[in-house]
Amino acid sequence: MGGPAVSPGGALLRSSRMFSIPKPLPVASSASTFLGEQKASATMTKAQPRHQTITSPLRSRQKGDWGLKRPLPLKTTMATTTPLLRINELDTVENITDFHSAADHSLSLEKFQELRIPMSIPSRGGEASSATTRKEENIKSVFEEDSDFTDIQDTSVDHRWKFKGPWLAQMADGDFLNYLNKKVRPQRAQFRALLRERLAERLTSSQNRAAVEAGKPTPEPIKGEDITEEQFADYIRSLRSDRVTLYALVSKFLDLPPLGTPVGFAQNNLIFSDSNRATDKITESPYGKSGPPPSHPSAGIGYLRTGAFMENHAVYGPQAKKTPVNARIVSPKIGPSPAKLGVGGFVSTVPVGSNEFNYRTTSSRFRRPVANGINNLDISTYGGAKAYIEPFTATVDPEGKVVVQVRETSPEAQLIAKEMRGLSSIYDDSELKRTIPEPQHAEEHAQQTLHDREREGYDDEAEPRDSRVKQVYDQLLSEEQNMVSNSSSYGLDTEPPSEPPSETK
């Protein structure tokens, strides 16, 4: 028995993509700042994809059928090797479908997944980390429990990436004033009530401690309404002089992202005078100096938790280094700024340290050659200068851009990578041929050697010719030369001398 009949409108909804394409994602908050608008361009590839990528089979694509309201022009959609589109508007006022190619983000996603690197949180304090420093420290995945914002705990409250409040260091002046007027000032009464409760807890703890030391019974706890205005004013005055404690209270009340440890305070040895609770301490946050990312720290581009795996070559076995990537040098070194590398569609800095990407003013004996295109732009090489590097992790910066961290690879890994691409040959599985020279050829070779020695002027008295020629003849013309590891060479096939029969009595 067949299914119920479907109306033409229902069939259209089932077979059409008009109602299945989601709305584009909003622009990230960091990209809408004044600095971000200055750097933006109409033709540049955006850092975050906002539209869904769609494609169509070849048979439907030849007819212009992409499952939309109207067919798309064949001249545009068929003259490409990457049939990937993003739909800006399904139906404009001009009765056309506004679309563009989505090969930029789609191919970047494909190439990033081929790198097989995990997404990690930024280095401690959000400082710019190099390949050398991040190699020694423990790279932490963005999918660990302490980075989760759905289950907030006291020990992980500052390791989150998502907060209700904005990051104050990133806000423009107008946005900051608007935030003060609409969000902060209406909550002034609630914050002062919170301070009264904290002061009451502090005074209660002090009087209980004094009662225990004096041997008296514990008095009743102090409430917030029992605090006088003079006590409250003194407490606020003490908080204004203690920036660390005050910001801990404000950030917890407004749920603000951390701004890092203030200058002059040792984070590990910091002791608060009013309380020692874990909620009052400002823990070290990976987003303290650079700010949290506008999206999840993985950016949805990769879901590997670790890169602790070993590649196994079909011929050479397990490899100590991963397969290197042939990166393009997109920008040479300019003054103090390091050179830039293009790795799988992402721009990265060169590895630091003594390697082929950095020039060192040392003696020529210990100086390593600098790679082509590092100091000057290479315009003679087809496609630009390239170099092999090893990507090992990636992070997301406050602007939502993916930053790939790279390090130097080994010469052996580079040689194997070149062999896999057919640029070099290492392994030779052909049969080895070993030949023994014939006696007459050996005699001719010995005579030629004698003529060469006479022509070069060797002294006959210092090096007697006859004796040495005789030694050459003996070595080349002896019968043992044709015996290669047989039993007769070692005297194993000779019968032992027979003993005379003993007389039996």
Protein backbone atom coordinates (compact mmCIF):
# COMPACT_ATOMS: atom_id res chain seq x y z
CA MET A 1 0.00 0.00 0.00
CA GLY A 2 1.45 3.30 -1.06
CA GLY A 3 1.82 6.38 1.06
CA PRO A 4 -0.62 9.25 1.13
CA ALA A 5 -0.68 11.61 -1.80
CA VAL A 6 1.48 14.69 -1.47
CA SER A 7 0.21 18.04 -2.61
CA PRO A 8 2.25 20.01 -5.14
CA GLY A 9 3.26 22.46 -2.45
CA GLY A 10 4.42 19.68 -0.16
CA ALA A 11 6.38 18.04 -2.96
CA LEU A 12 8.04 21.38 -3.69
CA LEU A 13 9.04 21.78 -0.06
CA ARG A 14 10.50 18.27 0.02
CA SER A 15 12.55 18.59 -3.16
CA SER A 16 13.58 22.23 -2.87
CA ARG A 17 16.37 23.82 -0.89
CA MET A 18 14.54 27.10 -0.56
CA PHE A 19 13.32 26.27 2.95
CA SER A 20 16.27 24.11 4.04
CA ILE A 21 19.03 26.71 3.75
CA PRO A 22 19.58 28.27 7.19
CA LYS A 23 19.95 31.96 7.76
CA PRO A 24 23.51 33.34 7.68
CA LEU A 25 25.29 33.62 10.98
CA PRO A 26 25.65 37.10 12.48
CA VAL A 27 28.94 38.93 12.19
CA ALA A 28 31.27 38.23 15.10
CA SER A 29 31.49 40.97 17.69
CA SER A 30 35.25 41.36 17.26
CA ALA A 31 34.90 41.91 13.52
CA SER A 32 32.51 44.84 13.99
CA THR A 33 35.03 47.04 15.81
CA PHE A 34 36.52 50.13 14.23
CA LEU A 35 39.90 48.46 13.78
CA GLY A 36 38.32 45.45 12.14
CA GLU A 37 36.35 47.61 9.69
CA GLN A 38 39.55 49.36 8.64
CA LYS A 39 41.25 46.07 7.79
CA ALA A 40 38.20 44.59 6.03
CA SER A 41 38.05 44.36 2.25
CA ALA A 42 35.29 43.53 -0.17
CA THR A 43 37.36 40.87 -1.97
CA MET A 44 39.25 39.33 0.94
CA THR A 45 38.36 35.93 2.35
CA LYS A 46 36.46 36.44 5.57
CA ALA A 47 37.84 34.84 8.70
CA GLN A 48 34.58 33.09 9.57
CA PRO A 49 32.14 31.45 7.13
CA ARG A 50 28.62 32.77 7.61
CA HIS A 51 26.68 31.00 4.85
CA GLN A 52 26.07 27.33 4.25
CA THR A 53 27.87 25.77 1.30
CA ILE A 54 25.75 23.84 -1.18
CA THR A 55 26.61 21.72 -4.22
CA SER A 56 24.77 19.74 -6.87
CA PRO A 57 25.40 16.53 -8.86
CA LEU A 58 26.91 16.84 -12.30
CA ARG A 59 23.77 15.73 -14.14
CA SER A 60 21.65 18.33 -12.35
CA ARG A 61 24.37 20.95 -12.60
CA GLN A 62 24.42 20.60 -16.38
CA LYS A 63 20.79 21.68 -16.39
CA GLY A 64 21.37 24.52 -13.94
CA ASP A 65 19.33 22.73 -11.29
CA TRP A 66 20.63 23.47 -7.79
CA GLY A 67 17.34 22.81 -6.02
CA LEU A 68 16.50 26.51 -5.79
CA LYS A 69 13.64 28.63 -7.04
CA ARG A 70 15.20 29.19 -10.46
CA PRO A 71 18.09 27.57 -12.36
CA LEU A 72 21.51 29.15 -12.10
CA PRO A 73 23.46 30.25 -15.20
CA LEU A 74 25.58 27.48 -16.72
CA LYS A 75 28.27 29.90 -17.84
CA THR A 76 29.19 30.59 -14.23
CA THR A 77 28.47 27.30 -12.49
CA MET A 78 30.00 24.96 -15.10
CA ALA A 79 33.24 26.87 -15.70
CA THR A 80 34.77 25.84 -12.39
CA THR A 81 36.43 22.78 -10.88
CA THR A 82 34.93 23.46 -7.45
CA PRO A 83 31.11 23.50 -7.77
CA LEU A 84 30.50 24.99 -4.33
CA LEU A 85 28.19 27.96 -3.84
CA ARG A 86 26.90 30.16 -1.04
CA ILE A 87 23.48 31.76 -1.44
CA ASN A 88 23.30 35.37 -0.32
CA GLU A 89 19.69 35.99 -1.37
CA LEU A 90 17.23 33.47 -2.75
CA ASP A 91 15.10 36.12 -4.42
CA THR A 92 16.11 39.76 -4.74
CA VAL A 93 14.05 42.69 -5.94
CA GLU A 94 15.55 42.17 -9.40
CA ASN A 95 14.11 38.61 -9.45
CA ILE A 96 17.52 36.97 -9.45
CA THR A 97 19.36 34.63 -7.08
CA ASP A 98 22.41 36.26 -5.53
CA PHE A 99 25.17 33.66 -5.12
CA HIS A 100 28.94 33.49 -4.91
CA SER A 101 31.56 30.78 -4.91
CA ALA A 102 32.17 29.08 -1.56
CA ALA A 103 35.37 27.33 -2.58
CA ASP A 104 37.48 29.52 -0.29
CA HIS A 105 36.09 28.30 3.01
CA SER A 106 35.29 24.79 1.80
CA LEU A 107 38.79 24.13 0.48
CA SER A 108 40.34 25.69 3.57
CA LEU A 109 38.34 23.27 5.71
CA GLU A 110 39.43 20.33 3.56
CA LYS A 111 43.10 21.30 3.64
CA PHE A 112 43.04 21.93 7.38
CA GLN A 113 41.62 18.48 8.02
CA GLU A 114 44.40 17.00 5.90
CA LEU A 115 46.95 18.56 8.27
CA ARG A 116 45.55 16.41 11.13
CA ILE A 117 46.44 18.84 13.91
CA PRO A 118 44.47 19.39 17.15
CA MET A 119 42.89 22.64 18.27
CA SER A 120 44.37 23.94 21.52
CA ILE A 121 43.85 26.88 23.83
CA PRO A 122 46.29 29.81 23.55
CA SER A 123 49.47 29.90 25.56
CA ARG A 124 49.49 31.00 29.18
CA GLY A 125 48.31 34.58 29.51
CA GLY A 126 47.43 34.87 25.83
CA GLU A 127 50.92 35.90 24.81
CA ALA A 128 52.17 35.16 21.35
CA SER A 129 53.74 31.75 21.54
CA SER A 130 56.45 30.41 19.31
CA ALA A 131 57.02 26.90 18.12
CA THR A 132 59.96 26.47 20.45
CA THR A 133 58.17 27.60 23.61
CA ARG A 134 54.96 25.71 22.83
CA LYS A 135 56.94 22.57 22.08
CA GLU A 136 58.13 22.32 25.67
CA GLU A 137 54.88 23.14 27.42
CA ASN A 138 51.84 20.93 27.63
CA ILE A 139 49.48 21.70 24.76
CA LYS A 140 45.93 21.56 26.10
CA SER A 141 42.94 20.73 23.96
CA VAL A 142 39.95 23.05 23.73
CA PHE A 143 37.65 20.11 24.47
CA GLU A 144 38.83 19.61 28.05
CA GLU A 145 36.32 19.88 30.89
CA ASP A 146 37.76 23.03 32.47
CA SER A 147 37.04 24.96 29.24
CA ASP A 148 33.36 24.00 29.25
CA PHE A 149 30.92 26.84 30.02
CA THR A 150 27.84 24.67 30.52
CA ASP A 151 29.04 23.21 33.84
CA ILE A 152 30.79 26.04 35.67
CA GLN A 153 32.94 25.14 38.66
CA ASP A 154 34.94 27.31 41.01
CA THR A 155 38.27 26.00 39.74
CA SER A 156 37.43 26.58 36.07
CA VAL A 157 35.45 29.81 36.19
CA ASP A 158 38.26 31.83 34.58
CA HIS A 159 39.22 29.20 32.01
CA ARG A 160 35.98 29.56 30.11
CA TRP A 161 35.76 31.13 26.68
CA LYS A 162 32.12 32.30 26.87
CA PHE A 163 30.97 34.97 29.32
CA LYS A 164 27.79 36.97 29.72
CA GLY A 165 29.63 40.27 29.85
CA PRO A 166 31.87 41.80 27.16
CA TRP A 167 35.63 41.99 27.12
CA LEU A 168 36.27 45.55 28.29
CA ALA A 169 39.67 45.96 26.62
CA GLN A 170 38.14 45.38 23.18
CA MET A 171 35.17 47.72 23.40
CA ALA A 172 35.16 51.08 21.68
CA ASP A 173 34.59 54.24 23.71
CA GLY A 174 30.99 54.64 22.62
CA ASP A 175 30.15 51.00 23.27
CA PHE A 176 31.79 51.17 26.67
CA LEU A 177 29.77 54.23 27.71
CA ASN A 178 26.61 52.59 26.46
CA TYR A 179 27.43 49.47 28.49
CA LEU A 180 27.96 51.56 31.62
CA ASN A 181 24.67 53.39 31.23
CA LYS A 182 22.46 50.42 30.31
CA LYS A 183 24.04 47.44 32.05
CA VAL A 184 26.24 48.55 34.94
CA ARG A 185 24.43 51.46 36.60
CA PRO A 186 21.03 49.71 36.91
CA GLN A 187 22.76 46.96 38.95
CA ARG A 188 24.43 49.33 41.40
CA ALA A 189 22.00 48.52 44.23
CA GLN A 190 22.45 44.76 43.81
CA PHE A 191 26.23 45.12 43.87
CA ARG A 192 26.19 47.23 47.04
CA ALA A 193 23.95 44.62 48.69
CA LEU A 194 26.49 41.98 47.71
CA LEU A 195 29.28 44.03 49.28
CA ARG A 196 27.28 44.36 52.50
CA GLU A 197 26.86 40.59 52.67
CA ARG A 198 30.58 40.08 52.16
CA LEU A 199 31.41 42.63 54.83
CA ALA A 200 28.97 40.94 57.20
CA GLU A 201 30.66 37.59 56.58
CA ARG A 202 34.05 39.15 57.19
CA LEU A 203 32.98 40.76 60.47
CA THR A 204 31.27 37.56 61.61
CA SER A 205 34.43 35.58 60.94
CA SER A 206 36.51 38.12 62.87
CA GLN A 207 34.25 38.13 65.94
CA ASN A 208 34.02 34.32 65.97
CA ARG A 209 37.80 34.08 65.89
CA ALA A 210 38.11 36.56 68.74
CA ALA A 211 35.50 34.67 70.79
CA VAL A 212 37.32 31.38 70.34
CA GLU A 213 40.62 32.92 71.41
CA ALA A 214 38.99 34.49 74.51
CA GLY A 215 37.15 31.29 75.43
CA LYS A 216 33.72 32.87 75.11
CA PRO A 217 30.63 31.44 73.38
CA THR A 218 30.13 32.18 69.69
CA PRO A 219 28.02 35.34 69.20
CA GLU A 220 25.21 35.66 66.73
CA PRO A 221 26.23 36.24 63.10
CA ILE A 222 26.17 39.79 61.79
CA LYS A 223 23.67 40.54 59.05
CA GLY A 224 23.92 43.02 56.21
CA GLU A 225 21.39 45.41 57.66
CA ASP A 226 23.36 45.57 60.92
CA ILE A 227 26.33 47.24 59.20
CA THR A 228 26.55 50.99 59.65
CA GLU A 229 27.21 53.43 56.84
CA GLU A 230 30.59 54.31 58.32
CA GLN A 231 31.71 50.67 58.32
CA PHE A 232 30.46 50.21 54.77
CA ALA A 233 32.26 53.38 53.58
CA ASP A 234 35.53 52.20 55.14
CA TYR A 235 35.14 48.81 53.47
CA ILE A 236 34.54 50.40 50.04
CA ARG A 237 37.57 52.64 50.58
CA SER A 238 39.72 49.57 51.32
CA LEU A 239 38.41 47.81 48.21
CA ARG A 240 39.33 50.75 45.98
CA SER A 241 42.94 50.42 47.10
CA ASP A 242 42.94 46.66 46.39
CA ARG A 243 42.41 46.35 42.65
CA VAL A 244 42.77 42.59 42.55
CA THR A 245 40.02 41.89 45.06
CA LEU A 246 37.74 44.58 43.63
CA TYR A 247 38.05 43.31 40.07
CA ALA A 248 37.46 39.74 41.28
CA LEU A 249 34.16 40.86 42.80
CA VAL A 250 33.11 42.96 39.81
CA SER A 251 34.01 40.32 37.22
CA LYS A 252 32.14 37.64 39.15
CA PHE A 253 29.08 39.86 39.60
CA LEU A 254 28.90 40.96 35.93
CA ASP A 255 30.45 37.73 34.53
CA LEU A 256 33.20 39.59 32.68
CA PRO A 257 36.09 37.91 30.85
CA PRO A 258 39.38 38.11 32.76
CA LEU A 259 41.85 40.88 31.98
CA GLY A 260 44.93 39.14 33.33
CA THR A 261 46.87 39.62 36.53
CA PRO A 262 47.67 43.28 37.30
CA VAL A 263 51.30 44.36 37.10
CA GLY A 264 53.15 44.01 40.39
CA PHE A 265 51.18 41.06 41.73
CA ALA A 266 52.60 37.56 41.78
CA GLN A 267 49.80 35.25 40.80
CA ASN A 268 51.15 32.15 42.50
CA ASN A 269 51.97 33.91 45.78
CA LEU A 270 48.93 36.16 45.93
CA ILE A 271 47.17 36.07 49.34
CA PHE A 272 43.99 38.02 49.95
CA SER A 273 43.61 39.72 53.26
CA ASP A 274 39.84 39.44 53.59
CA SER A 275 39.22 35.88 52.49
CA ASN A 276 41.03 32.78 51.30
CA ARG A 277 38.16 31.23 49.42
CA ALA A 278 38.80 29.80 46.00
CA THR A 279 36.12 32.04 44.49
CA ASP A 280 38.07 35.18 45.43
CA LYS A 281 41.27 34.23 43.66
CA ILE A 282 42.00 35.33 40.15
CA THR A 283 43.18 32.22 38.37
CA GLU A 284 45.44 32.36 35.35
CA SER A 285 43.31 32.52 32.22
CA PRO A 286 44.48 31.73 28.69
CA TYR A 287 42.39 34.66 27.44
CA GLY A 288 43.55 37.20 30.03
CA LYS A 289 45.69 39.37 27.75
CA SER A 290 44.35 38.72 24.27
CA GLY A 291 40.67 38.21 25.06
CA PRO A 292 38.28 35.31 24.47
CA PRO A 293 37.42 34.24 20.92
CA PRO A 294 34.05 35.21 19.44
CA SER A 295 33.16 31.54 18.90
CA HIS A 296 34.11 28.18 20.32
CA PRO A 297 37.94 27.83 20.53
CA SER A 298 37.78 25.04 17.95
CA ALA A 299 35.89 27.28 15.48
CA GLY A 300 34.19 24.12 14.21
CA ILE A 301 37.15 23.46 11.92
CA GLY A 302 38.68 20.50 13.73
CA TYR A 303 37.74 18.09 16.50
CA LEU A 304 41.00 16.27 17.26
CA ARG A 305 41.87 16.35 20.96
CA THR A 306 45.55 15.44 20.58
CA GLY A 307 48.26 14.95 18.00
CA ALA A 308 49.93 12.11 19.93
CA PHE A 309 49.94 9.57 17.14
CA MET A 310 52.72 8.07 15.05
CA GLU A 311 52.73 7.71 11.30
CA ASN A 312 53.74 4.34 9.87
CA HIS A 313 55.48 4.30 6.49
CA ALA A 314 54.81 1.32 4.24
CA VAL A 315 58.55 0.72 3.66
CA TYR A 316 60.47 2.56 6.37
CA GLY A 317 58.16 1.74 9.27
CA PRO A 318 57.18 4.08 12.15
CA GLN A 319 58.33 7.66 11.72
CA ALA A 320 59.67 9.93 14.46
CA LYS A 321 58.31 13.01 12.66
CA LYS A 322 54.98 13.52 10.98
CA THR A 323 54.79 14.11 7.26
CA PRO A 324 55.96 17.70 6.69
CA VAL A 325 53.97 20.22 4.70
CA ASN A 326 55.41 22.17 1.81
CA ALA A 327 54.57 25.73 2.90
CA ARG A 328 54.82 28.76 0.64
CA ILE A 329 56.79 31.79 1.82
CA VAL A 330 54.23 34.51 1.18
CA SER A 331 56.16 37.39 2.78
CA PRO A 332 59.90 37.77 3.48
CA LYS A 333 61.38 39.11 6.66
CA ILE A 334 60.89 42.88 6.96
CA GLY A 335 62.90 44.47 9.75
CA PRO A 336 62.00 42.91 13.09
CA SER A 337 58.90 41.25 11.64
CA PRO A 338 59.47 37.57 10.83
CA ALA A 339 58.65 36.00 7.50
CA LYS A 340 55.16 34.68 6.82
CA LEU A 341 54.28 31.20 5.61
CA GLY A 342 51.17 29.98 3.84
CA VAL A 343 50.15 26.63 5.35
CA GLY A 344 47.04 25.03 3.91
CA GLY A 345 45.40 28.38 3.21
CA PHE A 346 46.33 29.88 6.60
CA VAL A 347 49.08 32.42 7.27
CA SER A 348 51.58 31.48 9.97
CA THR A 349 54.92 32.80 11.22
CA VAL A 350 58.18 30.93 10.74
CA PRO A 351 59.57 28.77 13.56
CA VAL A 352 61.92 30.61 15.90
CA GLY A 353 65.37 29.43 16.87
CA SER A 354 68.46 28.52 14.92
CA ASN A 355 67.04 27.09 11.72
CA GLU A 356 66.85 27.80 8.03
CA PHE A 357 64.16 30.44 8.55
CA ASN A 358 66.22 32.77 10.74
CA TYR A 359 69.50 34.52 10.00
CA ARG A 360 72.09 34.40 12.77
CA THR A 361 75.14 36.69 12.89
CA THR A 362 77.52 33.90 13.87
CA SER A 363 80.62 32.52 12.25
CA SER A 364 80.20 30.94 8.85
CA ARG A 365 81.33 27.60 10.25
CA PHE A 366 78.27 27.17 12.48
CA ARG A 367 75.79 29.24 10.46
CA ARG A 368 72.99 27.31 8.80
CA PRO A 369 71.97 28.32 5.27
CA VAL A 370 68.87 30.49 5.12
CA ALA A 371 65.97 29.20 3.05
CA ASN A 372 65.25 30.81 -0.27
CA GLY A 373 62.73 33.66 -0.03
CA ILE A 374 63.25 34.47 3.67
CA ASN A 375 65.39 37.60 3.36
CA ASN A 376 64.17 38.69 -0.09
CA LEU A 377 61.05 38.05 -2.11
CA ASP A 378 61.71 35.27 -4.61
CA ILE A 379 60.22 36.22 -7.97
CA SER A 380 62.22 33.77 -10.09
CA THR A 381 60.84 30.49 -8.70
CA TYR A 382 57.58 29.37 -10.28
CA GLY A 383 54.85 29.59 -7.66
CA GLY A 384 57.12 31.29 -5.13
CA ALA A 385 59.68 29.92 -2.72
CA LYS A 386 58.61 26.98 -0.57
CA ALA A 387 59.96 25.18 2.48
CA TYR A 388 59.02 22.10 4.46
CA ILE A 389 57.63 22.62 7.98
CA GLU A 390 55.64 20.56 10.49
CA PRO A 391 52.33 22.00 11.81
CA PHE A 392 51.51 20.67 15.26
CA THR A 393 48.57 22.68 16.63
CA ALA A 394 46.23 25.59 15.93
CA THR A 395 44.44 28.22 18.00
CA VAL A 396 41.72 30.82 17.47
CA ASP A 397 42.62 34.45 18.16
CA PRO A 398 40.20 37.10 19.52
CA GLU A 399 39.23 38.09 15.97
CA GLY A 400 38.11 34.55 15.17
CA LYS A 401 41.04 33.74 12.88
CA VAL A 402 42.71 30.33 12.92
CA VAL A 403 46.41 30.59 13.79
CA VAL A 404 48.46 27.53 12.82
CA GLN A 405 51.57 26.85 14.92
CA VAL A 406 54.50 25.29 13.04
CA ARG A 407 57.94 23.98 13.93
CA GLU A 408 61.03 22.82 12.11
CA THR A 409 61.06 19.32 10.67
CA SER A 410 63.94 16.89 10.24
CA PRO A 411 65.95 16.37 7.02
CA GLU A 412 64.93 12.69 6.95
CA ALA A 413 61.23 13.59 7.01
CA GLN A 414 61.77 16.08 4.19
CA LEU A 415 63.56 13.45 2.09
CA ILE A 416 60.76 10.92 2.58
CA ALA A 417 58.14 13.56 1.72
CA LYS A 418 60.00 14.40 -1.49
CA GLU A 419 60.18 10.71 -2.38
CA MET A 420 56.42 10.34 -1.92
CA ARG A 421 55.91 13.23 -4.35
CA GLY A 422 58.35 11.72 -6.86
CA LEU A 423 60.97 14.47 -6.45
CA SER A 424 63.69 12.15 -5.13
CA SER A 425 64.52 8.46 -4.99
CA ILE A 426 65.80 6.67 -1.89
CA TYR A 427 64.53 3.12 -1.85
CA ASP A 428 65.98 0.76 -4.48
CA ASP A 429 64.56 -2.77 -4.58
CA SER A 430 66.46 -3.93 -7.68
CA GLU A 431 68.60 -7.07 -7.46
CA LEU A 432 72.25 -6.44 -6.64
CA LYS A 433 74.72 -7.82 -9.21
CA ARG A 434 78.13 -8.93 -7.99
CA THR A 435 80.74 -9.93 -10.61
CA ILE A 436 84.30 -11.25 -10.29
CA PRO A 437 86.75 -9.99 -12.93
CA GLU A 438 88.18 -12.53 -15.38
CA PRO A 439 91.90 -13.40 -15.07
CA GLN A 440 92.85 -11.84 -18.40
CA HIS A 441 90.99 -8.64 -17.57
CA ALA A 442 92.69 -8.58 -14.20
CA GLU A 443 96.11 -8.84 -15.84
CA GLU A 444 95.29 -5.99 -18.22
CA HIS A 445 94.11 -3.90 -15.29
CA ALA A 446 97.35 -4.58 -13.43
CA GLN A 447 99.42 -3.59 -16.48
CA GLN A 448 97.42 -0.37 -16.85
CA THR A 449 98.00 0.40 -13.18
CA LEU A 450 101.75 -0.03 -13.67
CA HIS A 451 101.76 2.34 -16.64
CA ASP A 452 99.83 4.91 -14.64
CA ARG A 453 102.25 4.70 -11.75
CA GLU A 454 105.24 5.09 -14.08
CA ARG A 455 103.64 8.07 -15.79
CA GLU A 456 102.97 9.76 -12.45
CA GLY A 457 106.64 9.35 -11.48
CA TYR A 458 106.72 6.85 -8.64
CA ASP A 459 110.14 5.94 -7.24
CA ASP A 460 111.12 2.35 -8.02
CA GLU A 461 113.52 2.14 -5.12
CA ALA A 462 111.01 3.38 -2.54
CA GLU A 463 108.25 1.13 -3.89
CA PRO A 464 109.65 -1.99 -5.54
CA ARG A 465 107.59 -2.61 -8.59
CA ASP A 466 108.29 -6.26 -9.14
CA SER A 467 107.31 -7.36 -5.68
CA ARG A 468 104.07 -5.39 -5.73
CA VAL A 469 103.14 -6.62 -9.21
CA LYS A 470 103.70 -10.15 -8.03
CA GLN A 471 101.39 -9.55 -5.08
CA VAL A 472 98.72 -8.18 -7.42
CA TYR A 473 99.05 -11.21 -9.69
CA ASP A 474 98.83 -13.60 -6.77
CA GLN A 475 95.68 -11.97 -5.46
CA LEU A 476 93.90 -11.71 -8.82
CA LEU A 477 94.98 -14.97 -10.50
CA SER A 478 94.83 -17.40 -7.61
CA GLU A 479 92.24 -20.16 -7.67
CA GLU A 480 90.88 -19.15 -4.28
CA GLN A 481 89.43 -16.00 -5.85
CA ASN A 482 86.71 -18.08 -7.51
CA MET A 483 85.80 -19.80 -4.27
CA VAL A 484 83.25 -17.72 -2.43
CA SER A 485 82.51 -18.99 1.07
CA ASN A 486 82.67 -22.71 0.25
CA SER A 487 83.63 -25.47 2.59
CA SER A 488 86.98 -26.12 0.91
CA SER A 489 88.13 -22.57 1.66
CA TYR A 490 87.95 -23.33 5.34
CA GLY A 491 89.22 -26.94 5.18
CA LEU A 492 85.92 -28.46 6.12
CA ASP A 493 85.66 -30.98 3.27
CA THR A 494 88.98 -32.74 3.91
CA GLU A 495 88.88 -36.10 5.60
CA PRO A 496 90.79 -36.41 8.87
CA PRO A 497 93.84 -38.72 8.81
CA SER A 498 92.91 -42.30 9.56
CA GLU A 499 94.35 -43.77 12.70
CA PRO A 500 96.13 -47.11 12.53
CA PRO A 501 94.02 -49.97 13.79
CA SER A 502 94.79 -50.80 17.34
CA GLU A 503 95.83 -54.29 18.17
CA THR A 504 93.37 -56.16 20.28
CA LYS A 505 94.80 -58.36 22.90
